């Protein structure tokens, strides 16, 4: 299991650094490879997110890929949404939370599949 956790962390870090969202890999992998609940996996994801986000933020800022003007209102609204989401996550049963997360991932996957090539 230890090597699995190392691999999960590394792969999720790569995805996070790309700005895609490492939690899309981290949460399902933790659920499949460990005995933790959905709420615990999401809690681990939140702790994991802090250092990976800081590292990616520094890199993207150096490359000029950051608009502080756009980020400020989004960060404020994100904080409010995070508080609401955290309250919801601890209020919902783990099975329902797991299903909601699965539906979210499915819809995001469908959205990406339907996008036209933008390269």
C-alpha atoms as a PDB file:
ATOM      1  CA  UNK A   1       0.000   0.000   0.000  1.00  0.00           C
ATOM      2  CA  UNK A   2       2.852   2.418   0.724  1.00  0.00           C
ATOM      3  CA  UNK A   3       4.088   2.361  -2.871  1.00  0.00           C
ATOM      4  CA  UNK A   4       0.521   2.888  -4.031  1.00  0.00           C
ATOM      5  CA  UNK A   5       0.227   6.008  -1.869  1.00  0.00           C
ATOM      6  CA  UNK A   6       3.578   7.286  -3.188  1.00  0.00           C
ATOM      7  CA  UNK A   7       2.435   6.741  -6.781  1.00  0.00           C
ATOM      8  CA  UNK A   8      -0.946   8.399  -6.090  1.00  0.00           C
ATOM      9  CA  UNK A   9       0.760  11.433  -4.569  1.00  0.00           C
ATOM     10  CA  UNK A  10       3.225  11.798  -7.430  1.00  0.00           C
ATOM     11  CA  UNK A  11       0.642  11.413 -10.215  1.00  0.00           C
ATOM     12  CA  UNK A  12      -1.803  13.734  -8.471  1.00  0.00           C
ATOM     13  CA  UNK A  13       0.994  16.280  -8.078  1.00  0.00           C
ATOM     14  CA  UNK A  14       1.685  16.228 -11.803  1.00  0.00           C
ATOM     15  CA  UNK A  15      -1.994  16.743 -12.588  1.00  0.00           C
ATOM     16  CA  UNK A  16      -2.247  19.524  -9.972  1.00  0.00           C
ATOM     17  CA  UNK A  17       0.786  21.299 -11.400  1.00  0.00           C
ATOM     18  CA  UNK A  18      -0.892  21.310 -14.783  1.00  0.00           C
ATOM     19  CA  UNK A  19      -3.905  23.038 -13.209  1.00  0.00           C
ATOM     20  CA  UNK A  20      -6.261  20.178 -13.957  1.00  0.00           C
ATOM     21  CA  UNK A  21      -7.053  19.206 -10.377  1.00  0.00           C
ATOM     22  CA  UNK A  22      -5.170  16.413  -8.659  1.00  0.00           C
ATOM     23  CA  UNK A  23      -8.222  15.573  -6.560  1.00  0.00           C
ATOM     24  CA  UNK A  24      -9.815  13.949  -9.578  1.00  0.00           C
ATOM     25  CA  UNK A  25      -7.135  11.265  -9.285  1.00  0.00           C
ATOM     26  CA  UNK A  26      -6.328  11.501  -5.595  1.00  0.00           C
ATOM     27  CA  UNK A  27      -9.808  10.985  -4.137  1.00  0.00           C
ATOM     28  CA  UNK A  28     -10.835   7.911  -6.187  1.00  0.00           C
ATOM     29  CA  UNK A  29      -7.374   6.366  -5.763  1.00  0.00           C
ATOM     30  CA  UNK A  30      -7.498   6.816  -1.984  1.00  0.00           C
ATOM     31  CA  UNK A  31     -10.953   5.252  -1.899  1.00  0.00           C
ATOM     32  CA  UNK A  32      -9.874   2.225  -3.937  1.00  0.00           C
ATOM     33  CA  UNK A  33      -6.490   1.643  -2.305  1.00  0.00           C
ATOM     34  CA  UNK A  34      -7.177   2.510   1.330  1.00  0.00           C
ATOM     35  CA  UNK A  35      -9.989   1.925   3.774  1.00  0.00           C
ATOM     36  CA  UNK A  36     -10.882   5.573   4.324  1.00  0.00           C
ATOM     37  CA  UNK A  37     -14.307   7.173   3.877  1.00  0.00           C
ATOM     38  CA  UNK A  38     -15.273   9.685   1.205  1.00  0.00           C
ATOM     39  CA  UNK A  39     -15.130  12.526   3.740  1.00  0.00           C
ATOM     40  CA  UNK A  40     -11.654  11.447   4.875  1.00  0.00           C
ATOM     41  CA  UNK A  41     -10.433  11.255   1.262  1.00  0.00           C
ATOM     42  CA  UNK A  42     -11.760  14.731   0.592  1.00  0.00           C
ATOM     43  CA  UNK A  43     -10.115  15.993   3.787  1.00  0.00           C
ATOM     44  CA  UNK A  44      -6.778  14.505   2.713  1.00  0.00           C
ATOM     45  CA  UNK A  45      -7.262  16.149  -0.679  1.00  0.00           C
ATOM     46  CA  UNK A  46      -7.727  19.543   0.974  1.00  0.00           C
ATOM     47  CA  UNK A  47      -4.509  19.210   2.981  1.00  0.00           C
ATOM     48  CA  UNK A  48      -2.662  17.861  -0.069  1.00  0.00           C
ATOM     49  CA  UNK A  49      -3.911  20.783  -2.136  1.00  0.00           C
ATOM     50  CA  UNK A  50      -2.198  23.529  -0.118  1.00  0.00           C
ATOM     51  CA  UNK A  51       1.488  22.780  -0.895  1.00  0.00           C
ATOM     52  CA  UNK A  52       0.776  21.617  -4.453  1.00  0.00           C
ATOM     53  CA  UNK A  53      -1.234  24.765  -5.188  1.00  0.00           C
ATOM     54  CA  UNK A  54       1.499  27.008  -3.776  1.00  0.00           C
ATOM     55  CA  UNK A  55       4.157  25.281  -5.877  1.00  0.00           C
ATOM     56  CA  UNK A  56       2.061  25.493  -9.052  1.00  0.00           C
ATOM     57  CA  UNK A  57       1.131  29.105  -8.295  1.00  0.00           C
ATOM     58  CA  UNK A  58       4.769  30.155  -8.000  1.00  0.00           C
ATOM     59  CA  UNK A  59       5.643  28.428 -11.272  1.00  0.00           C
ATOM     60  CA  UNK A  60       2.691  29.870 -13.197  1.00  0.00           C
ATOM     61  CA  UNK A  61       3.374  33.364 -11.812  1.00  0.00           C
ATOM     62  CA  UNK A  62       7.005  33.175 -12.984  1.00  0.00           C
ATOM     63  CA  UNK A  63       5.777  32.205 -16.447  1.00  0.00           C
ATOM     64  CA  UNK A  64       3.297  35.109 -16.559  1.00  0.00           C
ATOM     65  CA  UNK A  65       0.254  32.838 -16.556  1.00  0.00           C
ATOM     66  CA  UNK A  66      -1.513  34.497 -13.634  1.00  0.00           C
ATOM     67  CA  UNK A  67      -4.030  37.341 -13.706  1.00  0.00           C
ATOM     68  CA  UNK A  68      -4.202  38.758 -10.179  1.00  0.00           C
ATOM     69  CA  UNK A  69      -7.135  40.939 -11.244  1.00  0.00           C
ATOM     70  CA  UNK A  70      -9.192  37.904 -12.199  1.00  0.00           C
ATOM     71  CA  UNK A  71      -7.944  35.765  -9.310  1.00  0.00           C
ATOM     72  CA  UNK A  72      -8.968  38.128  -6.489  1.00  0.00           C
ATOM     73  CA  UNK A  73     -12.768  37.920  -6.882  1.00  0.00           C
ATOM     74  CA  UNK A  74     -12.554  34.226  -7.730  1.00  0.00           C
ATOM     75  CA  UNK A  75     -10.538  33.541  -4.584  1.00  0.00           C
ATOM     76  CA  UNK A  76     -13.067  35.399  -2.424  1.00  0.00           C
ATOM     77  CA  UNK A  77     -16.014  33.585  -3.968  1.00  0.00           C
ATOM     78  CA  UNK A  78     -14.061  30.328  -3.753  1.00  0.00           C
ATOM     79  CA  UNK A  79     -13.595  30.821  -0.010  1.00  0.00           C
ATOM     80  CA  UNK A  80     -17.328  31.317   0.444  1.00  0.00           C
ATOM     81  CA  UNK A  81     -18.085  28.292  -1.717  1.00  0.00           C
ATOM     82  CA  UNK A  82     -15.526  26.192   0.164  1.00  0.00           C
ATOM     83  CA  UNK A  83     -17.195  26.999   3.479  1.00  0.00           C
ATOM     84  CA  UNK A  84     -20.595  26.024   2.078  1.00  0.00           C
ATOM     85  CA  UNK A  85     -19.187  22.882   0.459  1.00  0.00           C
ATOM     86  CA  UNK A  86     -17.371  21.784   3.617  1.00  0.00           C
ATOM     87  CA  UNK A  87     -20.560  22.174   5.641  1.00  0.00           C
ATOM     88  CA  UNK A  88     -22.449  20.168   3.023  1.00  0.00           C
ATOM     89  CA  UNK A  89     -19.767  17.447   2.852  1.00  0.00           C
ATOM     90  CA  UNK A  90     -19.854  16.752   6.587  1.00  0.00           C
ATOM     91  CA  UNK A  91     -23.665  16.835   6.605  1.00  0.00           C
ATOM     92  CA  UNK A  92     -24.145  14.287   3.809  1.00  0.00           C
ATOM     93  CA  UNK A  93     -23.719  10.530   4.235  1.00  0.00           C
ATOM     94  CA  UNK A  94     -20.514   9.134   2.747  1.00  0.00           C
ATOM     95  CA  UNK A  95     -22.360   6.996   0.165  1.00  0.00           C
ATOM     96  CA  UNK A  96     -24.314   9.992  -1.156  1.00  0.00           C
ATOM     97  CA  UNK A  97     -21.173  12.136  -1.241  1.00  0.00           C
ATOM     98  CA  UNK A  98     -19.405   9.410  -3.179  1.00  0.00           C
ATOM     99  CA  UNK A  99     -22.235   9.262  -5.703  1.00  0.00           C
ATOM    100  CA  UNK A 100     -22.305  13.049  -6.101  1.00  0.00           C
ATOM    101  CA  UNK A 101     -18.544  13.053  -6.681  1.00  0.00           C
ATOM    102  CA  UNK A 102     -18.923  10.274  -9.268  1.00  0.00           C
ATOM    103  CA  UNK A 103     -21.651  12.208 -11.106  1.00  0.00           C
ATOM    104  CA  UNK A 104     -19.438  15.304 -11.068  1.00  0.00           C
ATOM    105  CA  UNK A 105     -16.496  13.376 -12.548  1.00  0.00           C
ATOM    106  CA  UNK A 106     -18.753  11.809 -15.178  1.00  0.00           C
ATOM    107  CA  UNK A 107     -20.159  15.191 -16.229  1.00  0.00           C
ATOM    108  CA  UNK A 108     -16.692  16.719 -16.389  1.00  0.00           C
ATOM    109  CA  UNK A 109     -15.509  13.819 -18.532  1.00  0.00           C
ATOM    110  CA  UNK A 110     -18.476  14.214 -20.883  1.00  0.00           C
ATOM    111  CA  UNK A 111     -17.808  17.936 -21.122  1.00  0.00           C
ATOM    112  CA  UNK A 112     -14.185  17.339 -22.092  1.00  0.00           C
ATOM    113  CA  UNK A 113     -15.153  14.684 -24.641  1.00  0.00           C
ATOM    114  CA  UNK A 114     -17.626  17.048 -26.320  1.00  0.00           C
ATOM    115  CA  UNK A 115     -15.226  19.990 -26.628  1.00  0.00           C
ATOM    116  CA  UNK A 116     -13.837  20.715 -30.056  1.00  0.00           C
ATOM    117  CA  UNK A 117     -10.078  20.676 -30.519  1.00  0.00           C
ATOM    118  CA  UNK A 118      -8.721  24.067 -29.588  1.00  0.00           C
ATOM    119  CA  UNK A 119      -5.101  23.509 -30.592  1.00  0.00           C
END
